[in-house]
Amino acid sequence: MESSIDPDLGDFVGSYFWFLIAEIPLTTYPLIIVILLLLIVSALVSGSEVAFFSLKPTHLEQCKNERKVADIAILSLLENPKALLATILILNNLVNVAIVTISTYVTWQIAGKDNQLAIAILTGVVTAAIVFYGEIVPKVFATQRNLSFAKFTSRPLYIANALFKPLAWFLMNMSDFIEKKFKSKGYQVSVSELHEALEITTQTESTEEEREILKGIVSFGTKLVKQVMHSRMDITAFDVELNFHQLMDLVKISGYSRIPIYRNTIDSLEGILYVKDLLPYLEKDENFEWQQLIRRDIFFVPEGKKIDKLLKNFQEKRVHIAIVADEYGGTSGLITLEDIIEEIVGEINDEFDTDELNYKKVDDNTFTFEGKTSLNDFCKIVGVEPSVFESVKGESESLGGLFLEIASKMPRPGEQIEFENFVFTAVSVTKKRIKSIRVFIKERFNKHLSDYLD
């Protein structure tokens, strides 16, 4: 197929270009040299942006050790990176505008102001020169030799930074004002979406333990104290009226190093007893007044507090245990520093922890849990997101509470309820609570059946 473009057009444009070159007056040659020099300056300024902002900590450490003039200039400029960037942008724009202005003037001198073809050719040539020689080439070179490039341009930029300081200050303040005025709220990414992203990106490069730690970090900021704490029923606490021998017997059985002490009921706490404070008095008789060792400054926290903020509180106050108070001021539960850390790294077992767990795995699809098992722990064990039950759990934070929320009544032994892919069966029930629940996961069963049939 024949081309629709006139084959002589290219030759015409080329001939016309060389005709213009031949017609250049001698007085314009100095201006052409200025344009070439400005193009070199544009390249240096553009490359310096990449060079300075790609320097690594090792490069900066090298500059600190060498302490030459160029090194000192680099360190000084990077103390205020916003001002440096503003200076680079001001310089780059001034140089590029100067190139275009002088080039236009030269073209008018050669071809006249009314020669539209000459203006079109000028626009194309200058644009190509600025983009290729003033942007692409220097930035590629600066990326490969960033420290050398930064040292070469550091002193001129240091001088320019001082000269353009008022203008840079004005531009930075305008930028901050606009940024605050139209500040972006960012992307709304759910925790479940982040978990899915982690699954995709760490499938082959990370172990299962590493993936679980990453998931724990992602969801750490969303967890509430109520989801992680030991419930009121699980708190080990001692009566302040015990004698010293009774206390020591209970301390040995409990295995805990910090124990809440109450008067009459657990809602009337006297303080926290640190077992290490008892060590100097082990030989005392039963009449020893151990109550004087109780630390009265109890750290109370509400149920709705985020555990990431509580971790900061633990660090600031240098404590390891907090009592969780409900809305009426009663004792709702207890949370420790270890409980918070376990949300990231998983279970931490010491010599006092028993190997007995509060659940039993019957097969890949069936589990038996104690009713008091927290929803948070249940979701970890069966491998689902806690958000799955968000719409039905109400105020409950235990598996038994979830069963009651869905059933809306106290179940009979053997009674079943279903929610999405889960079948919950009440195994053991008292008049007051559900002691154990069997959980069957249909989705996993269907997947195994499908794999078997395939």
Protein backbone atom coordinates (compact mmCIF):
# COMPACT_ATOMS: atom_id res chain seq x y z
CA MET A 1 0.00 0.00 0.00
CA GLU A 2 1.38 3.39 -0.96
CA SER A 3 2.04 5.92 1.79
CA SER A 4 -0.27 8.94 1.91
CA ILE A 5 2.61 11.12 3.15
CA ASP A 6 4.48 13.13 0.55
CA PRO A 7 7.96 11.53 0.35
CA ASP A 8 9.49 14.89 -0.45
CA LEU A 9 8.19 16.51 2.78
CA GLY A 10 11.06 15.23 4.91
CA ASP A 11 13.64 16.37 2.40
CA PHE A 12 11.96 19.76 2.27
CA VAL A 13 12.01 20.23 6.05
CA GLY A 14 15.65 19.13 6.21
CA SER A 15 16.68 21.42 3.40
CA TYR A 16 14.79 24.28 4.99
CA PHE A 17 16.51 23.67 8.35
CA TRP A 18 19.97 23.78 6.80
CA PHE A 19 18.98 26.86 4.84
CA LEU A 20 18.15 28.57 8.13
CA ILE A 21 21.49 27.50 9.62
CA ALA A 22 23.29 28.96 6.62
CA GLU A 23 21.41 32.23 7.04
CA ILE A 24 22.38 32.67 10.72
CA PRO A 25 23.91 36.11 11.28
CA LEU A 26 27.28 36.18 13.03
CA THR A 27 25.78 38.27 15.84
CA THR A 28 23.56 35.38 16.93
CA TYR A 29 26.38 32.84 17.44
CA PRO A 30 27.10 34.05 21.00
CA LEU A 31 23.43 33.53 21.82
CA ILE A 32 23.56 29.98 20.44
CA ILE A 33 26.57 29.30 22.67
CA VAL A 34 24.59 30.68 25.63
CA ILE A 35 21.71 28.29 24.78
CA LEU A 36 24.12 25.33 24.77
CA LEU A 37 25.60 26.41 28.11
CA LEU A 38 22.11 26.81 29.58
CA LEU A 39 21.26 23.32 28.34
CA ILE A 40 24.29 21.99 30.24
CA VAL A 41 23.17 23.88 33.36
CA SER A 42 19.65 22.43 32.97
CA ALA A 43 21.16 18.94 32.79
CA LEU A 44 23.22 19.50 35.94
CA VAL A 45 20.27 20.90 37.88
CA SER A 46 17.91 18.08 36.81
CA GLY A 47 20.51 15.43 37.62
CA SER A 48 21.22 16.95 41.02
CA GLU A 49 17.60 16.38 42.06
CA VAL A 50 17.97 12.63 41.55
CA ALA A 51 21.52 12.58 42.94
CA PHE A 52 20.73 14.34 46.24
CA PHE A 53 17.48 12.53 46.99
CA SER A 54 18.84 9.06 46.22
CA LEU A 55 21.79 9.29 48.61
CA LYS A 56 21.86 6.44 51.12
CA PRO A 57 22.80 6.66 54.81
CA THR A 58 26.18 5.13 53.94
CA HIS A 59 26.85 8.00 51.52
CA LEU A 60 25.99 10.58 54.18
CA GLU A 61 28.23 8.78 56.67
CA GLN A 62 31.03 8.94 54.12
CA CYS A 63 30.48 12.70 53.75
CA LYS A 64 30.64 13.12 57.55
CA ASN A 65 33.93 11.25 57.67
CA GLU A 66 35.63 13.03 54.75
CA ARG A 67 34.44 16.55 55.70
CA LYS A 68 35.58 18.21 52.46
CA VAL A 69 33.94 21.40 51.18
CA ALA A 70 31.61 19.46 48.85
CA ASP A 71 30.74 17.00 51.63
CA ILE A 72 29.89 19.79 54.06
CA ALA A 73 27.74 21.46 51.38
CA ILE A 74 25.83 18.20 50.78
CA LEU A 75 25.13 17.72 54.49
CA SER A 76 24.08 21.35 54.89
CA LEU A 77 21.69 21.24 51.92
CA LEU A 78 20.07 17.99 53.09
CA GLU A 79 19.34 19.45 56.52
CA ASN A 80 16.39 21.18 54.84
CA PRO A 81 15.34 18.95 51.92
CA LYS A 82 12.22 21.01 51.17
CA ALA A 83 14.28 24.16 50.64
CA LEU A 84 16.75 22.22 48.47
CA LEU A 85 13.97 20.86 46.29
CA ALA A 86 12.43 24.32 45.95
CA THR A 87 15.81 25.76 44.90
CA ILE A 88 16.32 23.01 42.30
CA LEU A 89 12.86 23.56 40.85
CA ILE A 90 13.32 27.35 40.71
CA LEU A 91 16.69 26.98 38.98
CA ASN A 92 15.42 24.36 36.53
CA ASN A 93 12.44 26.44 35.49
CA LEU A 94 14.46 29.65 35.15
CA VAL A 95 17.06 27.93 32.96
CA ASN A 96 14.45 26.22 30.76
CA VAL A 97 12.50 29.46 30.32
CA ALA A 98 15.75 31.22 29.40
CA ILE A 99 16.53 28.53 26.80
CA VAL A 100 13.09 28.90 25.19
CA THR A 101 13.21 32.72 25.27
CA ILE A 102 16.68 33.04 23.75
CA SER A 103 15.92 30.33 21.17
CA THR A 104 12.81 32.20 20.09
CA TYR A 105 14.76 35.44 19.77
CA VAL A 106 17.45 33.72 17.66
CA THR A 107 14.78 32.23 15.39
CA TRP A 108 13.20 35.65 14.89
CA GLN A 109 16.62 37.07 14.00
CA ILE A 110 17.16 34.35 11.38
CA ALA A 111 13.71 33.77 9.84
CA GLY A 112 11.62 36.72 10.94
CA LYS A 113 8.73 36.94 13.41
CA ASP A 114 6.04 35.88 10.92
CA ASN A 115 7.68 32.63 9.80
CA GLN A 116 5.37 30.02 11.37
CA LEU A 117 7.30 27.02 9.99
CA ALA A 118 10.50 28.22 11.64
CA ILE A 119 8.69 28.62 14.98
CA ALA A 120 7.28 25.09 14.68
CA ILE A 121 10.71 23.61 13.94
CA LEU A 122 12.20 25.59 16.86
CA THR A 123 9.54 24.29 19.26
CA GLY A 124 10.21 20.68 18.32
CA VAL A 125 14.01 20.98 18.47
CA VAL A 126 14.09 22.86 21.80
CA THR A 127 11.54 20.54 23.44
CA ALA A 128 13.48 17.46 22.33
CA ALA A 129 16.76 18.94 23.52
CA ILE A 130 15.39 19.90 26.96
CA VAL A 131 13.67 16.53 27.52
CA PHE A 132 16.50 14.34 26.28
CA TYR A 133 19.68 16.26 27.16
CA GLY A 134 18.26 18.31 30.01
CA GLU A 135 16.21 15.61 31.79
CA ILE A 136 16.58 11.98 30.71
CA VAL A 137 20.35 11.68 30.15
CA PRO A 138 21.48 13.54 33.32
CA LYS A 139 18.98 11.72 35.54
CA VAL A 140 20.06 8.30 34.28
CA PHE A 141 23.71 9.27 34.85
CA ALA A 142 22.98 10.76 38.29
CA THR A 143 21.17 7.61 39.37
CA GLN A 144 24.26 5.52 38.68
CA ARG A 145 26.76 7.99 40.18
CA ASN A 146 24.66 9.84 42.71
CA LEU A 147 27.38 10.71 45.25
CA SER A 148 29.86 11.96 42.62
CA PHE A 149 27.13 13.99 40.89
CA ALA A 150 25.97 15.47 44.20
CA LYS A 151 29.52 16.48 45.12
CA PHE A 152 30.01 18.14 41.71
CA THR A 153 26.84 20.24 42.00
CA SER A 154 26.80 20.80 45.77
CA ARG A 155 28.71 24.09 45.87
CA PRO A 156 26.77 25.83 43.05
CA LEU A 157 23.52 24.63 44.63
CA TYR A 158 24.65 25.88 48.04
CA ILE A 159 25.15 29.37 46.57
CA ALA A 160 21.81 29.17 44.68
CA ASN A 161 20.09 28.02 47.87
CA ALA A 162 21.25 31.19 49.61
CA LEU A 163 20.31 33.45 46.66
CA PHE A 164 16.81 32.05 46.19
CA LYS A 165 16.06 31.58 49.90
CA PRO A 166 13.27 34.23 50.05
CA LEU A 167 11.54 32.86 46.95
CA ALA A 168 11.97 29.26 48.14
CA TRP A 169 10.51 30.22 51.54
CA PHE A 170 7.48 31.77 49.82
CA LEU A 171 6.92 28.70 47.62
CA MET A 172 7.26 26.29 50.55
CA ASN A 173 4.70 28.23 52.60
CA MET A 174 2.32 28.33 49.65
CA SER A 175 2.78 24.59 49.21
CA ASP A 176 2.09 23.93 52.91
CA PHE A 177 -1.03 26.12 52.78
CA ILE A 178 -2.41 24.29 49.73
CA GLU A 179 -1.52 20.91 51.23
CA LYS A 180 -3.43 21.71 54.43
CA LYS A 181 -6.36 23.16 52.49
CA PHE A 182 -6.78 20.19 50.20
CA LYS A 183 -5.21 17.52 52.34
CA SER A 184 -5.93 14.06 50.98
CA LYS A 185 -7.49 11.61 53.36
CA GLY A 186 -5.65 8.74 51.68
CA TYR A 187 -6.89 5.35 50.67
CA GLN A 188 -9.37 3.54 52.86
CA VAL A 189 -7.93 0.06 53.05
CA SER A 190 -9.52 -2.49 55.34
CA VAL A 191 -7.52 -4.85 57.54
CA SER A 192 -8.88 -7.84 55.61
CA GLU A 193 -7.61 -6.33 52.34
CA LEU A 194 -4.18 -5.87 53.90
CA HIS A 195 -4.23 -9.50 55.05
CA GLU A 196 -5.08 -10.60 51.51
CA ALA A 197 -2.23 -8.49 50.15
CA LEU A 198 0.14 -10.11 52.65
CA GLU A 199 -0.99 -13.57 51.60
CA ILE A 200 -0.28 -12.75 47.96
CA THR A 201 3.11 -11.11 48.50
CA THR A 202 4.49 -13.61 51.04
CA GLN A 203 3.30 -16.92 49.64
CA THR A 204 6.72 -18.14 48.51
CA GLU A 205 9.18 -15.87 50.30
CA SER A 206 8.10 -16.20 53.95
CA THR A 207 7.46 -18.96 56.46
CA GLU A 208 4.09 -19.46 58.11
CA GLU A 209 5.40 -17.90 61.36
CA GLU A 210 6.61 -14.79 59.51
CA ARG A 211 3.24 -14.40 57.78
CA GLU A 212 1.42 -14.66 61.10
CA ILE A 213 3.66 -11.97 62.62
CA LEU A 214 2.99 -9.67 59.64
CA LYS A 215 -0.75 -10.25 60.03
CA GLY A 216 -0.46 -9.47 63.73
CA ILE A 217 1.30 -6.18 62.97
CA VAL A 218 -1.36 -5.21 60.41
CA SER A 219 -4.28 -5.83 62.78
CA PHE A 220 -2.49 -4.63 65.94
CA GLY A 221 -3.84 -1.09 65.76
CA THR A 222 -7.45 -2.28 65.44
CA LYS A 223 -7.59 -4.55 68.51
CA LEU A 224 -9.38 -3.40 71.66
CA VAL A 225 -8.47 -4.26 75.23
CA LYS A 226 -11.78 -6.11 75.53
CA GLN A 227 -10.75 -8.51 72.75
CA VAL A 228 -7.40 -9.41 74.31
CA MET A 229 -7.94 -9.26 78.09
CA HIS A 230 -8.44 -12.14 80.51
CA SER A 231 -12.08 -12.06 81.54
CA ARG A 232 -13.23 -11.51 85.11
CA MET A 233 -13.83 -15.25 85.53
CA ASP A 234 -10.23 -16.08 84.58
CA ILE A 235 -8.53 -13.62 86.93
CA THR A 236 -6.45 -15.13 89.72
CA ALA A 237 -6.80 -12.75 92.68
CA PHE A 238 -6.37 -13.16 96.47
CA ASP A 239 -8.31 -11.86 99.46
CA VAL A 240 -6.51 -9.27 101.53
CA GLU A 241 -7.62 -11.08 104.73
CA LEU A 242 -5.49 -14.19 104.07
CA ASN A 243 -2.72 -14.93 106.50
CA PHE A 244 0.85 -15.17 105.25
CA HIS A 245 1.01 -18.98 105.06
CA GLN A 246 -2.30 -19.20 103.17
CA LEU A 247 -1.06 -16.54 100.78
CA MET A 248 2.24 -18.35 100.10
CA ASP A 249 0.42 -21.61 99.38
CA LEU A 250 -1.81 -19.90 96.83
CA VAL A 251 1.15 -18.06 95.26
CA LYS A 252 2.97 -21.37 94.69
CA ILE A 253 -0.11 -22.88 93.05
CA SER A 254 -0.86 -19.88 90.84
CA GLY A 255 2.59 -19.46 89.30
CA TYR A 256 1.96 -15.74 88.64
CA SER A 257 4.44 -12.97 89.48
CA ARG A 258 1.85 -10.17 89.83
CA ILE A 259 -1.45 -10.84 91.58
CA PRO A 260 -4.43 -8.51 92.20
CA ILE A 261 -5.51 -8.27 95.84
CA TYR A 262 -9.16 -7.56 96.70
CA ARG A 263 -11.31 -6.93 99.76
CA ASN A 264 -14.61 -8.83 99.89
CA THR A 265 -15.14 -8.89 96.09
CA ILE A 266 -12.93 -8.49 93.03
CA ASP A 267 -14.67 -5.19 92.30
CA SER A 268 -12.99 -3.74 95.42
CA LEU A 269 -9.33 -4.07 94.56
CA GLU A 270 -6.71 -3.05 97.11
CA GLY A 271 -3.75 -3.16 94.73
CA ILE A 272 -1.26 -5.48 93.01
CA LEU A 273 1.07 -7.82 94.89
CA TYR A 274 4.46 -8.43 93.27
CA VAL A 275 5.71 -11.86 94.31
CA LYS A 276 9.33 -10.66 94.18
CA ASP A 277 8.50 -8.33 97.09
CA LEU A 278 7.77 -11.42 99.23
CA LEU A 279 11.19 -13.03 98.75
CA PRO A 280 12.96 -11.34 101.71
CA TYR A 281 10.18 -12.52 104.06
CA LEU A 282 9.85 -16.20 103.20
CA GLU A 283 10.80 -17.28 106.75
CA LYS A 284 8.16 -15.14 108.44
CA ASP A 285 5.33 -16.78 110.39
CA GLU A 286 1.65 -16.69 109.50
CA ASN A 287 1.13 -13.44 111.40
CA PHE A 288 3.44 -11.48 109.09
CA GLU A 289 1.57 -8.44 107.72
CA TRP A 290 2.20 -9.01 104.04
CA GLN A 291 -0.50 -6.46 103.18
CA GLN A 292 2.06 -3.68 103.62
CA LEU A 293 3.81 -4.95 100.48
CA ILE A 294 0.78 -4.36 98.26
CA ARG A 295 1.36 -1.72 95.58
CA ARG A 296 -1.68 0.53 95.72
CA ASP A 297 -1.22 2.39 92.43
CA ILE A 298 -3.44 0.24 90.22
CA PHE A 299 -3.46 1.07 86.51
CA PHE A 300 -7.09 0.99 85.32
CA VAL A 301 -7.99 1.00 81.61
CA PRO A 302 -11.39 0.98 79.84
CA GLU A 303 -12.57 -1.94 77.73
CA GLY A 304 -12.65 0.12 74.53
CA LYS A 305 -9.02 1.27 74.63
CA LYS A 306 -6.84 0.28 71.64
CA ILE A 307 -4.02 -2.07 72.60
CA ASP A 308 -1.43 -0.10 70.62
CA LYS A 309 -2.14 2.93 72.83
CA LEU A 310 -2.09 0.73 75.92
CA LEU A 311 1.35 -0.55 74.91
CA LYS A 312 2.60 3.05 74.90
CA ASN A 313 1.03 3.57 78.34
CA PHE A 314 2.82 0.47 79.65
CA GLN A 315 6.11 1.85 78.31
CA GLU A 316 5.55 5.32 79.79
CA LYS A 317 4.39 4.07 83.21
CA ARG A 318 6.84 1.13 83.27
CA VAL A 319 4.18 -1.33 84.36
CA HIS A 320 3.27 -4.77 83.01
CA ILE A 321 -0.31 -5.22 84.18
CA ALA A 322 -3.57 -3.28 84.04
CA ILE A 323 -7.06 -3.86 85.42
CA VAL A 324 -9.85 -3.47 82.87
CA ALA A 325 -12.81 -1.54 84.24
CA ASP A 326 -16.34 -1.71 82.84
CA GLU A 327 -18.70 1.24 82.39
CA TYR A 328 -19.94 0.93 85.99
CA GLY A 329 -16.47 0.95 87.53
CA GLY A 330 -16.43 -2.79 88.23
CA THR A 331 -13.62 -5.17 87.31
CA SER A 332 -14.20 -6.50 83.81
CA GLY A 333 -10.88 -8.23 83.26
CA LEU A 334 -7.11 -8.06 83.36
CA ILE A 335 -4.52 -7.45 80.65
CA THR A 336 -0.74 -7.75 80.73
CA LEU A 337 2.16 -6.63 78.55
CA GLU A 338 2.63 -10.26 77.53
CA ASP A 339 -0.96 -10.42 76.23
CA ILE A 340 -0.31 -7.43 73.97
CA ILE A 341 3.00 -8.76 72.62
CA GLU A 342 1.37 -12.13 71.90
CA GLU A 343 -0.98 -10.37 69.47
CA ILE A 344 2.05 -9.84 67.23
CA VAL A 345 4.43 -12.74 67.84
CA GLY A 346 1.94 -15.43 68.88
CA GLU A 347 1.76 -17.41 72.11
CA ILE A 348 4.66 -16.99 74.57
CA ASN A 349 5.02 -19.99 76.88
CA ASP A 350 7.16 -20.05 80.01
CA GLU A 351 7.86 -22.71 82.63
CA PHE A 352 4.58 -21.95 84.42
CA ASP A 353 2.37 -22.25 81.33
CA THR A 354 0.61 -25.58 80.95
CA ASP A 355 0.47 -27.41 77.65
CA GLU A 356 -3.29 -27.95 78.03
CA LEU A 357 -5.20 -25.75 75.56
CA ASN A 358 -8.80 -24.59 75.82
CA TYR A 359 -9.74 -26.30 72.56
CA LYS A 360 -9.43 -29.69 70.88
CA LYS A 361 -9.01 -30.34 67.17
CA VAL A 362 -11.12 -33.33 66.20
CA ASP A 363 -10.21 -33.22 62.50
CA ASP A 364 -9.39 -30.63 59.85
CA ASN A 365 -12.97 -29.30 59.92
CA THR A 366 -14.14 -29.88 63.50
CA PHE A 367 -13.02 -28.28 66.78
CA THR A 368 -14.25 -28.29 70.36
CA PHE A 369 -13.77 -25.03 72.29
CA GLU A 370 -14.47 -23.85 75.79
CA GLY A 371 -17.29 -21.33 75.77
CA LYS A 372 -15.09 -18.70 77.42
CA THR A 373 -12.58 -18.79 74.52
CA SER A 374 -12.20 -15.27 73.18
CA LEU A 375 -13.40 -14.63 69.63
CA ASN A 376 -9.97 -13.26 68.88
CA ASP A 377 -8.27 -16.56 69.83
CA PHE A 378 -10.97 -18.61 68.10
CA CYS A 379 -10.43 -16.74 64.81
CA LYS A 380 -6.67 -17.25 65.05
CA ILE A 381 -7.04 -20.99 65.59
CA VAL A 382 -9.52 -21.62 62.76
CA GLY A 383 -7.82 -19.13 60.42
CA VAL A 384 -10.56 -16.56 59.77
CA GLU A 385 -10.78 -12.80 60.19
CA PRO A 386 -12.60 -11.50 63.31
CA SER A 387 -14.55 -9.16 61.02
CA VAL A 388 -16.54 -12.21 59.81
CA PHE A 389 -18.60 -12.09 63.03
CA GLU A 390 -18.77 -8.31 63.36
CA SER A 391 -22.42 -8.12 62.25
CA VAL A 392 -23.70 -10.71 64.75
CA LYS A 393 -21.42 -10.67 67.80
CA GLY A 394 -22.96 -7.59 69.40
CA GLU A 395 -21.07 -6.74 72.60
CA SER A 396 -19.80 -10.28 73.14
CA GLU A 397 -16.10 -11.10 72.91
CA SER A 398 -16.22 -14.84 73.68
CA LEU A 399 -17.34 -17.82 71.63
CA GLY A 400 -20.10 -18.58 74.12
CA GLY A 401 -21.28 -14.99 73.91
CA LEU A 402 -21.34 -15.22 70.11
CA PHE A 403 -23.53 -18.37 70.35
CA LEU A 404 -25.96 -16.54 72.65
CA GLU A 405 -26.09 -13.50 70.36
CA ILE A 406 -26.96 -15.63 67.33
CA ALA A 407 -29.40 -17.95 69.17
CA SER A 408 -30.93 -15.15 71.29
CA LYS A 409 -31.48 -17.65 74.12
CA MET A 410 -29.68 -20.11 76.39
CA PRO A 411 -29.35 -23.29 74.28
CA ARG A 412 -29.99 -26.88 75.33
CA PRO A 413 -27.13 -29.41 75.12
CA GLY A 414 -26.82 -30.60 71.52
CA GLU A 415 -28.62 -27.58 70.06
CA GLN A 416 -27.12 -26.29 66.79
CA ILE A 417 -26.99 -22.92 65.08
CA GLU A 418 -25.45 -21.97 61.73
CA PHE A 419 -23.75 -18.81 60.58
CA GLU A 420 -22.24 -18.59 57.10
CA ASN A 421 -19.78 -21.52 56.84
CA PHE A 422 -19.88 -22.40 60.56
CA VAL A 423 -22.08 -24.89 62.41
CA PHE A 424 -21.95 -24.33 66.21
CA THR A 425 -23.16 -27.06 68.58
CA ALA A 426 -23.64 -26.47 72.31
CA VAL A 427 -21.93 -29.49 73.91
CA SER A 428 -22.02 -28.62 77.63
CA VAL A 429 -24.39 -26.03 79.10
CA THR A 430 -25.20 -24.93 82.67
CA LYS A 431 -28.01 -22.68 83.80
CA LYS A 432 -25.73 -19.65 83.59
CA ARG A 433 -23.31 -20.23 80.70
CA ILE A 434 -22.16 -22.36 77.80
CA LYS A 435 -19.17 -24.42 78.93
CA SER A 436 -18.10 -25.99 75.60
CA ILE A 437 -18.99 -25.66 71.92
CA ARG A 438 -18.25 -27.87 68.92
CA VAL A 439 -17.49 -25.98 65.68
CA PHE A 440 -17.80 -27.53 62.20
CA ILE A 441 -16.48 -25.54 59.21
CA LYS A 442 -18.46 -26.41 56.07
CA GLU A 443 -16.24 -24.55 53.61
CA ARG A 444 -13.21 -26.67 54.44
CA PHE A 445 -15.26 -29.87 54.27
CA ASN A 446 -16.60 -28.93 50.84
CA LYS A 447 -13.07 -28.12 49.63
CA HIS A 448 -11.70 -31.47 50.85
CA LEU A 449 -14.62 -33.29 49.25
CA SER A 450 -14.02 -31.46 45.97
CA ASP A 451 -10.31 -32.31 46.06
CA TYR A 452 -11.16 -35.97 46.76
CA LEU A 453 -13.64 -36.15 43.85
CA ASP A 454 -11.12 -34.53 41.51
